[in-house]
C-alpha atoms as a PDB file:
ATOM      1  CA  MET A   1     -13.556  14.162  14.677  1.00  0.00           C
ATOM      2  CA  ILE A   2     -13.174  14.476  11.085  1.00  0.00           C
ATOM      3  CA  THR A   3     -10.424  17.146   9.933  1.00  0.00           C
ATOM      4  CA  VAL A   4     -10.570  17.957   6.132  1.00  0.00           C
ATOM      5  CA  ARG A   5      -7.330  18.532   4.213  1.00  0.00           C
ATOM      6  CA  LYS A   6      -7.593  20.370   0.894  1.00  0.00           C
ATOM      7  CA  ALA A   7      -5.709  18.786  -1.927  1.00  0.00           C
ATOM      8  CA  GLY A   8      -3.420  22.016  -1.670  1.00  0.00           C
ATOM      9  CA  GLU A   9      -2.668  21.329   1.898  1.00  0.00           C
ATOM     10  CA  ARG A  10      -1.446  17.366   0.872  1.00  0.00           C
ATOM     11  CA  GLY A  11       1.975  15.955   0.109  1.00  0.00           C
ATOM     12  CA  HIS A  12       3.063  15.724  -3.252  1.00  0.00           C
ATOM     13  CA  ALA A  13       5.629  12.921  -4.835  1.00  0.00           C
ATOM     14  CA  SER A  14       5.935  12.662  -8.759  1.00  0.00           C
ATOM     15  CA  PHE A  15       8.039   9.732  -9.930  1.00  0.00           C
ATOM     16  CA  ASP A  16       8.397   8.130 -13.276  1.00  0.00           C
ATOM     17  CA  TRP A  17       5.362   5.443 -12.816  1.00  0.00           C
ATOM     18  CA  LEU A  18       3.482   7.522 -10.014  1.00  0.00           C
ATOM     19  CA  ASP A  19       1.858  10.586  -9.576  1.00  0.00           C
ATOM     20  CA  THR A  20       0.079  10.917  -6.286  1.00  0.00           C
ATOM     21  CA  TRP A  21      -0.651  13.062  -3.597  1.00  0.00           C
ATOM     22  CA  HIS A  22      -0.668  12.122   0.139  1.00  0.00           C
ATOM     23  CA  THR A  23      -2.660  12.968   2.950  1.00  0.00           C
ATOM     24  CA  PHE A  24      -0.188  11.087   5.657  1.00  0.00           C
ATOM     25  CA  SER A  25       3.818  10.758   5.890  1.00  0.00           C
ATOM     26  CA  PHE A  26       4.638   9.032   2.623  1.00  0.00           C
ATOM     27  CA  ALA A  27       8.179   8.370   0.565  1.00  0.00           C
ATOM     28  CA  ASP A  28       9.674  11.761   0.752  1.00  0.00           C
ATOM     29  CA  TYR A  29       6.705  13.680   2.350  1.00  0.00           C
ATOM     30  CA  PRO A  30       7.128  13.881   5.852  1.00  0.00           C
ATOM     31  CA  ASP A  31       3.762  14.937   8.102  1.00  0.00           C
ATOM     32  CA  ALA A  32       4.575  14.982  11.616  1.00  0.00           C
ATOM     33  CA  GLN A  33       1.192  16.048  12.466  1.00  0.00           C
ATOM     34  CA  HIS A  34      -0.461  13.554  10.722  1.00  0.00           C
ATOM     35  CA  VAL A  35       1.072   9.978  11.839  1.00  0.00           C
ATOM     36  CA  GLY A  36       0.088   7.981  14.337  1.00  0.00           C
ATOM     37  CA  PHE A  37      -3.422   7.980  14.955  1.00  0.00           C
ATOM     38  CA  ARG A  38      -4.246   4.583  15.340  1.00  0.00           C
ATOM     39  CA  ALA A  39      -3.058   0.928  13.994  1.00  0.00           C
ATOM     40  CA  LEU A  40      -4.250   0.886  10.428  1.00  0.00           C
ATOM     41  CA  ARG A  41      -5.985  -2.255   9.013  1.00  0.00           C
ATOM     42  CA  VAL A  42      -6.434  -2.451   5.052  1.00  0.00           C
ATOM     43  CA  SER A  43      -8.536  -4.862   3.297  1.00  0.00           C
ATOM     44  CA  HIS A  44      -8.330  -4.913  -0.481  1.00  0.00           C
ATOM     45  CA  THR A  45     -10.118  -7.683  -2.810  1.00  0.00           C
ATOM     46  CA  LEU A  46      -8.557  -9.003  -5.952  1.00  0.00           C
ATOM     47  CA  LYS A  47     -10.853  -9.579  -8.674  1.00  0.00           C
ATOM     48  CA  PRO A  48     -10.951 -13.071 -10.231  1.00  0.00           C
ATOM     49  CA  GLY A  49      -8.078 -13.447 -12.852  1.00  0.00           C
ATOM     50  CA  ARG A  50      -5.986 -10.524 -11.021  1.00  0.00           C
ATOM     51  CA  HIS A  51      -2.998 -11.024  -9.858  1.00  0.00           C
ATOM     52  CA  GLY A  52      -1.101  -8.767  -6.979  1.00  0.00           C
ATOM     53  CA  TRP A  53       2.225  -7.765  -5.461  1.00  0.00           C
ATOM     54  CA  LEU A  54       2.979  -5.825  -1.885  1.00  0.00           C
ATOM     55  CA  GLN A  55       6.087  -4.337  -1.555  1.00  0.00           C
ATOM     56  CA  MET A  56       6.808  -3.290   1.916  1.00  0.00           C
ATOM     57  CA  ALA A  57       8.939   0.053   1.986  1.00  0.00           C
ATOM     58  CA  GLU A  58       9.455   0.772   5.540  1.00  0.00           C
ATOM     59  CA  GLY A  59       7.986  -1.127   9.112  1.00  0.00           C
ATOM     60  CA  GLU A  60       6.223  -3.936   9.407  1.00  0.00           C
ATOM     61  CA  VAL A  61       2.930  -5.432   8.392  1.00  0.00           C
ATOM     62  CA  LYS A  62       0.706  -8.731   8.566  1.00  0.00           C
ATOM     63  CA  LEU A  63      -0.375  -9.993   5.156  1.00  0.00           C
ATOM     64  CA  ASN A  64      -3.275 -12.082   5.860  1.00  0.00           C
ATOM     65  CA  GLY A  65      -1.377 -12.984   8.661  1.00  0.00           C
ATOM     66  CA  LEU A  66       1.846 -13.379   7.229  1.00  0.00           C
ATOM     67  CA  PRO A  67       4.475 -11.110   8.804  1.00  0.00           C
ATOM     68  CA  LEU A  68       6.716  -9.059   6.479  1.00  0.00           C
ATOM     69  CA  LYS A  69       8.981  -5.891   7.106  1.00  0.00           C
ATOM     70  CA  ALA A  70      11.143  -3.286   5.026  1.00  0.00           C
ATOM     71  CA  GLY A  71      12.421  -4.856   1.649  1.00  0.00           C
ATOM     72  CA  ASP A  72      10.029  -7.591   1.746  1.00  0.00           C
ATOM     73  CA  GLY A  73       7.909  -8.288  -1.214  1.00  0.00           C
ATOM     74  CA  ALA A  74       4.751 -10.409  -1.721  1.00  0.00           C
ATOM     75  CA  ALA A  75       3.061 -11.982  -4.459  1.00  0.00           C
ATOM     76  CA  VAL A  76      -0.239 -12.558  -4.321  1.00  0.00           C
ATOM     77  CA  SER A  77      -2.525 -14.957  -6.850  1.00  0.00           C
ATOM     78  CA  ASP A  78      -4.827 -17.376  -4.954  1.00  0.00           C
ATOM     79  CA  GLU A  79      -5.985 -14.984  -2.335  1.00  0.00           C
ATOM     80  CA  SER A  80      -9.185 -12.977  -3.357  1.00  0.00           C
ATOM     81  CA  ARG A  81      -9.125 -11.100  -0.048  1.00  0.00           C
ATOM     82  CA  LEU A  82      -6.046  -9.331   1.168  1.00  0.00           C
ATOM     83  CA  ILE A  83      -5.804  -7.927   4.829  1.00  0.00           C
ATOM     84  CA  ILE A  84      -3.206  -5.860   5.710  1.00  0.00           C
ATOM     85  CA  GLU A  85      -2.489  -4.910   9.170  1.00  0.00           C
ATOM     86  CA  SER A  86      -0.104  -2.602  10.732  1.00  0.00           C
ATOM     87  CA  ALA A  87       0.573  -2.110  14.584  1.00  0.00           C
ATOM     88  CA  GLY A  88       2.963   0.685  13.842  1.00  0.00           C
ATOM     89  CA  THR A  89       4.494   3.312  11.234  1.00  0.00           C
ATOM     90  CA  ALA A  90       4.535   1.596   7.917  1.00  0.00           C
ATOM     91  CA  GLN A  91       4.971   2.253   4.059  1.00  0.00           C
ATOM     92  CA  VAL A  92       3.425  -0.691   1.656  1.00  0.00           C
ATOM     93  CA  ILE A  93       2.771  -0.264  -2.081  1.00  0.00           C
ATOM     94  CA  LEU A  94       0.290  -2.882  -3.415  1.00  0.00           C
ATOM     95  CA  PHE A  95       0.132  -3.098  -6.865  1.00  0.00           C
ATOM     96  CA  ASP A  96      -3.237  -4.660  -8.700  1.00  0.00           C
ATOM     97  CA  LEU A  97      -1.844  -6.541 -11.569  1.00  0.00           C
ATOM     98  CA  ASN A  98      -3.722  -7.483 -14.785  1.00  0.00           C
ATOM     99  CA  GLN A  99      -3.058 -11.288 -15.463  1.00  0.00           C
ATOM    100  CA  ILE A 100      -1.092 -11.572 -18.498  1.00  0.00           C
ATOM    101  CA  ILE A 101      -1.467 -14.442 -20.647  1.00  0.00           C
ATOM    102  CA  ARG A 102       1.414 -14.855 -23.563  1.00  0.00           C
ATOM    103  CA  THR A 103       0.778 -17.909 -25.912  1.00  0.00           C
ATOM    104  CA  ASN A 104       3.613 -18.762 -28.659  1.00  0.00           C
ATOM    105  CA  PRO A 105       2.124 -18.905 -32.170  1.00  0.00           C
END
């Protein structure tokens, strides 16, 4: 079954660095009607020369099989594919960062 949620029905959060709309519970937007559907498995591919940072806000996940819990963070630089799995409620922020190279003159 597919349920359509129009933009105006979704949750909104605005931080200094992020302006986002949510279809599910996230940050200060609780949505009891849209949680607990099933386990979530997300796959993200980092392009060559890019680095990532995953920050756990809530719950527990496995990042490429490595268990992480709320408060943990992980830098990613040698994995081209990130597999994020959660069996329960979890809030994860994934940053896909450009590689920054600085040279001294």
